[in-house]
Amino acid sequence: MEPTPTIARHEAINRDEPLVHDWRVMQLTRLGIPGLLAEGAAGHVDWHDIARLVQRGCPPLLALRIVR
């Protein structure tokens, strides 16, 4: 009986990467970041940091500038 091929962990992550990116873009846009800015920032910022600032009253674009 031949062993079942396994998928290396990094292959699974790479395949899901666009989904994660799109999800981060969605989170940023929900916080008030315009779509194109959210698209560019999604891979470089932690959206949680922006969310905390926005929840404290910081305008979304200023929160993005602070976190970047």
Protein backbone atom coordinates (compact mmCIF):
# COMPACT_ATOMS: atom_id res chain seq x y z
CA MET A 1 0.00 0.00 0.00
CA GLU A 2 1.44 3.36 -1.03
CA PRO A 3 1.51 6.19 1.51
CA THR A 4 -0.89 9.07 0.95
CA PRO A 5 0.94 12.16 -0.32
CA THR A 6 0.99 14.98 2.17
CA ILE A 7 0.91 18.69 1.54
CA ALA A 8 3.77 20.58 3.10
CA ARG A 9 2.62 23.23 5.53
CA HIS A 10 4.12 26.07 3.46
CA GLU A 11 2.21 24.92 0.36
CA ALA A 12 -1.10 25.13 2.20
CA ILE A 13 -0.25 28.58 3.53
CA ASN A 14 0.76 29.87 0.10
CA ARG A 15 -2.48 28.62 -1.42
CA ASP A 16 -4.54 30.38 1.27
CA GLU A 17 -2.54 33.60 1.20
CA PRO A 18 -4.84 35.45 -1.25
CA LEU A 19 -7.83 34.57 0.92
CA VAL A 20 -6.12 35.95 4.01
CA HIS A 21 -5.12 39.11 2.13
CA ASP A 22 -8.70 39.63 0.92
CA TRP A 23 -10.00 39.10 4.45
CA ARG A 24 -7.57 41.71 5.81
CA VAL A 25 -8.64 44.15 3.09
CA MET A 26 -12.25 43.59 4.12
CA GLN A 27 -11.42 44.27 7.78
CA LEU A 28 -9.60 47.49 6.90
CA THR A 29 -12.42 48.74 4.68
CA ARG A 30 -14.93 47.98 7.44
CA LEU A 31 -12.87 50.28 9.65
CA GLY A 32 -13.20 53.07 7.09
CA ILE A 33 -9.99 52.72 5.07
CA PRO A 34 -10.70 53.31 1.35
CA GLY A 35 -10.42 50.18 -0.80
CA LEU A 36 -7.21 50.97 -2.67
CA LEU A 37 -5.41 52.01 0.51
CA ALA A 38 -6.69 48.93 2.30
CA GLU A 39 -5.48 46.76 -0.58
CA GLY A 40 -1.99 48.23 -0.37
CA ALA A 41 -1.76 48.17 3.41
CA ALA A 42 -3.27 44.74 4.09
CA GLY A 43 0.05 42.91 3.96
CA HIS A 44 2.00 45.50 5.92
CA VAL A 45 -0.10 46.49 8.94
CA ASP A 46 -1.89 44.70 11.74
CA TRP A 47 -5.53 45.67 11.31
CA HIS A 48 -6.07 45.11 15.03
CA ASP A 49 -3.83 48.10 15.80
CA ILE A 50 -5.87 50.28 13.46
CA ALA A 51 -9.13 48.99 14.96
CA ARG A 52 -7.99 49.93 18.47
CA LEU A 53 -7.19 53.47 17.38
CA VAL A 54 -10.47 53.86 15.49
CA GLN A 55 -12.44 52.54 18.48
CA ARG A 56 -10.81 55.28 20.58
CA GLY A 57 -12.01 57.94 18.14
CA CYS A 58 -9.04 58.25 15.79
CA PRO A 59 -10.04 58.87 12.16
CA PRO A 60 -9.32 55.76 10.05
CA LEU A 61 -6.83 57.41 7.69
CA LEU A 62 -4.89 58.91 10.58
CA ALA A 63 -4.88 55.51 12.32
CA LEU A 64 -3.41 53.97 9.15
CA ARG A 65 -0.69 56.64 9.04
CA ILE A 66 0.16 56.06 12.69
CA VAL A 67 0.40 52.29 12.33
CA ARG A 68 2.39 52.40 9.10
